[in-house]
Structures are given as structure tokens and as C-alpha cells.
Amino acid sequence: FRDAEAREREAEAEAKATTMVSEAIARGDVNAVNYFVAQSYVEALGKFADSKNQKTFFLPLEATSLIGAVGGIAEIARDAMQKREASRGGGPWGNSEGGSTPNS
């Protein structure tokens, strides 16, 4: 029973993530697409690494794009943290007394 609940929750989370990415695409936010693709790449590479035949490891021809996409995750996270801090009135460019932005 617990396995079924876990699968159901995972499916719901996947559906919600897909909806959020779809909405971000509609807004023109390409970072969401990059994150989604990078996440899929990382999961696929993890499955390769767990295979029984670990002597052979195939990388996609576009491995450099994978590295760039994974590196982009850090940029997405950094942007999200800065936006969250800015909305709270804190962070690197503001304070709780009104805040300011660079070059203003």
C-alpha cells in the first residue's frame, strides 16, 4: 500500500513540475526549460552509471551541452535566491528599511 502511495505522490509531483515548466515556457522563461532538460540528463546518466556493465559508459554526442545545462542549474538557483531575498527586502542589494538596487 505504501509503495502505491509513494508512486502516486511521485506522479503528482512530476505532473506539478511539468505544469510549472509549461507555465514558465508560456511566460518565455527559458531557464525553466534548461533546468528540466538538465534534470532529465542527470537522471539518465545516473541510470547509466548504475548499469551492470560498468566498464562501458556512453555519453551523448552533445556532452558539452549537458555540462553547460548542469552548470546552468546553479545560475537558476542563484537567480531564484536573489529574487526571494529581494522580495523579502534583504539580500545583496537591499535591506529591510526600503532597500536599493545597484546603479540607482
C-alpha atoms as a PDB file:
ATOM      1  CA  PHE A   1       0.000   0.000   0.000  1.00  0.00           C
ATOM      2  CA  ARG A   2       2.811   2.409   0.873  1.00  0.00           C
ATOM      3  CA  ASP A   3       4.523   1.701  -2.434  1.00  0.00           C
ATOM      4  CA  ALA A   4       1.341   2.644  -4.265  1.00  0.00           C
ATOM      5  CA  GLU A   5       1.059   5.871  -2.263  1.00  0.00           C
ATOM      6  CA  ALA A   6       4.692   6.707  -2.972  1.00  0.00           C
ATOM      7  CA  ARG A   7       4.202   6.138  -6.713  1.00  0.00           C
ATOM      8  CA  GLU A   8       1.064   8.280  -6.639  1.00  0.00           C
ATOM      9  CA  ARG A   9       2.854  11.131  -4.851  1.00  0.00           C
ATOM     10  CA  GLU A  10       5.764  10.907  -7.258  1.00  0.00           C
ATOM     11  CA  ALA A  11       3.378  11.068 -10.224  1.00  0.00           C
ATOM     12  CA  GLU A  12       1.607  14.082  -8.706  1.00  0.00           C
ATOM     13  CA  ALA A  13       4.929  15.837  -8.134  1.00  0.00           C
ATOM     14  CA  GLU A  14       6.011  15.096 -11.699  1.00  0.00           C
ATOM     15  CA  ALA A  15       2.712  16.451 -13.038  1.00  0.00           C
ATOM     16  CA  LYS A  16       3.060  19.611 -10.950  1.00  0.00           C
ATOM     17  CA  ALA A  17       6.649  20.123 -12.129  1.00  0.00           C
ATOM     18  CA  THR A  18       5.580  19.679 -15.735  1.00  0.00           C
ATOM     19  CA  THR A  19       2.767  22.205 -15.254  1.00  0.00           C
ATOM     20  CA  MET A  20       5.153  24.712 -13.699  1.00  0.00           C
ATOM     21  CA  VAL A  21       7.624  24.302 -16.563  1.00  0.00           C
ATOM     22  CA  SER A  22       4.803  24.688 -19.102  1.00  0.00           C
ATOM     23  CA  GLU A  23       3.703  27.919 -17.440  1.00  0.00           C
ATOM     24  CA  ALA A  24       7.285  29.193 -17.386  1.00  0.00           C
ATOM     25  CA  ILE A  25       7.644  28.401 -21.093  1.00  0.00           C
ATOM     26  CA  ALA A  26       4.431  30.306 -21.792  1.00  0.00           C
ATOM     27  CA  ARG A  27       5.963  33.304 -19.979  1.00  0.00           C
ATOM     28  CA  GLY A  28       9.102  32.948 -22.093  1.00  0.00           C
ATOM     29  CA  ASP A  29      11.357  31.759 -19.255  1.00  0.00           C
ATOM     30  CA  VAL A  30      13.945  29.536 -20.955  1.00  0.00           C
ATOM     31  CA  ASN A  31      15.713  28.816 -17.654  1.00  0.00           C
ATOM     32  CA  ALA A  32      12.865  26.500 -16.683  1.00  0.00           C
ATOM     33  CA  VAL A  33      13.322  24.520 -19.880  1.00  0.00           C
ATOM     34  CA  ASN A  34      17.080  24.309 -19.342  1.00  0.00           C
ATOM     35  CA  TYR A  35      16.544  23.071 -15.795  1.00  0.00           C
ATOM     36  CA  PHE A  36      14.018  20.439 -16.893  1.00  0.00           C
ATOM     37  CA  VAL A  37      16.317  19.145 -19.653  1.00  0.00           C
ATOM     38  CA  ALA A  38      19.370  19.134 -17.371  1.00  0.00           C
ATOM     39  CA  GLN A  39      17.436  17.212 -14.736  1.00  0.00           C
ATOM     40  CA  SER A  40      16.468  14.584 -17.306  1.00  0.00           C
ATOM     41  CA  TYR A  41      20.079  14.283 -18.458  1.00  0.00           C
ATOM     42  CA  VAL A  42      21.342  13.831 -14.911  1.00  0.00           C
ATOM     43  CA  GLU A  43      18.735  11.139 -14.206  1.00  0.00           C
ATOM     44  CA  ALA A  44      19.622   9.311 -17.424  1.00  0.00           C
ATOM     45  CA  LEU A  45      23.345   9.447 -16.674  1.00  0.00           C
ATOM     46  CA  GLY A  46      22.645   8.106 -13.182  1.00  0.00           C
ATOM     47  CA  LYS A  47      20.893   5.113 -14.726  1.00  0.00           C
ATOM     48  CA  PHE A  48      23.880   4.528 -16.996  1.00  0.00           C
ATOM     49  CA  ALA A  49      26.202   4.588 -14.000  1.00  0.00           C
ATOM     50  CA  ASP A  50      24.051   2.053 -12.135  1.00  0.00           C
ATOM     51  CA  SER A  51      24.076  -0.433 -15.001  1.00  0.00           C
ATOM     52  CA  LYS A  52      25.573  -3.887 -14.524  1.00  0.00           C
ATOM     53  CA  ASN A  53      28.047  -3.307 -17.349  1.00  0.00           C
ATOM     54  CA  GLN A  54      30.006  -0.502 -15.728  1.00  0.00           C
ATOM     55  CA  LYS A  55      33.076  -0.990 -17.906  1.00  0.00           C
ATOM     56  CA  THR A  56      31.434   0.836 -20.774  1.00  0.00           C
ATOM     57  CA  PHE A  57      29.917   4.241 -20.390  1.00  0.00           C
ATOM     58  CA  PHE A  58      28.318   6.087 -23.290  1.00  0.00           C
ATOM     59  CA  LEU A  59      27.934   9.833 -23.285  1.00  0.00           C
ATOM     60  CA  PRO A  60      25.692  11.674 -25.696  1.00  0.00           C
ATOM     61  CA  LEU A  61      27.445  13.469 -28.531  1.00  0.00           C
ATOM     62  CA  GLU A  62      26.295  16.704 -27.002  1.00  0.00           C
ATOM     63  CA  ALA A  63      28.027  16.065 -23.668  1.00  0.00           C
ATOM     64  CA  THR A  64      29.323  19.620 -23.659  1.00  0.00           C
ATOM     65  CA  SER A  65      25.746  20.895 -23.764  1.00  0.00           C
ATOM     66  CA  LEU A  66      24.962  18.643 -20.823  1.00  0.00           C
ATOM     67  CA  ILE A  67      27.771  20.192 -18.823  1.00  0.00           C
ATOM     68  CA  GLY A  68      26.505  23.642 -19.769  1.00  0.00           C
ATOM     69  CA  ALA A  69      22.949  22.718 -18.806  1.00  0.00           C
ATOM     70  CA  VAL A  70      24.019  21.329 -15.447  1.00  0.00           C
ATOM     71  CA  GLY A  71      26.097  24.448 -14.858  1.00  0.00           C
ATOM     72  CA  GLY A  72      23.011  26.485 -15.670  1.00  0.00           C
ATOM     73  CA  ILE A  73      21.199  24.938 -12.712  1.00  0.00           C
ATOM     74  CA  ALA A  74      23.483  26.856 -10.354  1.00  0.00           C
ATOM     75  CA  GLU A  75      22.658  30.080 -12.179  1.00  0.00           C
ATOM     76  CA  ILE A  76      18.924  29.377 -11.960  1.00  0.00           C
ATOM     77  CA  ALA A  77      19.203  28.669  -8.237  1.00  0.00           C
ATOM     78  CA  ARG A  78      21.252  31.830  -7.682  1.00  0.00           C
ATOM     79  CA  ASP A  79      18.675  33.939  -9.549  1.00  0.00           C
ATOM     80  CA  ALA A  80      15.834  32.387  -7.553  1.00  0.00           C
ATOM     81  CA  MET A  81      17.599  33.068  -4.250  1.00  0.00           C
ATOM     82  CA  GLN A  82      18.281  36.685  -5.226  1.00  0.00           C
ATOM     83  CA  LYS A  83      14.641  37.191  -6.204  1.00  0.00           C
ATOM     84  CA  ARG A  84      13.494  35.658  -2.933  1.00  0.00           C
ATOM     85  CA  GLU A  85      15.837  37.839  -0.894  1.00  0.00           C
ATOM     86  CA  ALA A  86      14.789  40.931  -2.846  1.00  0.00           C
ATOM     87  CA  SER A  87      11.113  40.182  -2.216  1.00  0.00           C
ATOM     88  CA  ARG A  88      11.863  39.984   1.500  1.00  0.00           C
ATOM     89  CA  GLY A  89      13.621  43.347   1.393  1.00  0.00           C
ATOM     90  CA  GLY A  90      17.021  41.870   2.135  1.00  0.00           C
ATOM     91  CA  GLY A  91      19.759  40.295   0.145  1.00  0.00           C
ATOM     92  CA  PRO A  92      22.805  41.737  -1.522  1.00  0.00           C
ATOM     93  CA  TRP A  93      21.118  44.893  -2.873  1.00  0.00           C
ATOM     94  CA  GLY A  94      18.678  45.903  -0.267  1.00  0.00           C
ATOM     95  CA  ASN A  95      17.711  45.976   3.342  1.00  0.00           C
ATOM     96  CA  SER A  96      14.526  45.741   5.318  1.00  0.00           C
ATOM     97  CA  GLU A  97      14.244  49.539   5.539  1.00  0.00           C
ATOM     98  CA  GLY A  98      13.343  50.046   1.921  1.00  0.00           C
ATOM     99  CA  GLY A  99      16.267  48.544   0.051  1.00  0.00           C
ATOM    100  CA  SER A 100      18.039  49.751  -3.010  1.00  0.00           C
ATOM    101  CA  THR A 101      19.226  48.355  -6.286  1.00  0.00           C
ATOM    102  CA  PRO A 102      22.639  48.643  -7.900  1.00  0.00           C
ATOM    103  CA  ASN A 103      23.184  51.699 -10.103  1.00  0.00           C
ATOM    104  CA  SER A 104      20.168  53.531  -8.753  1.00  0.00           C
END
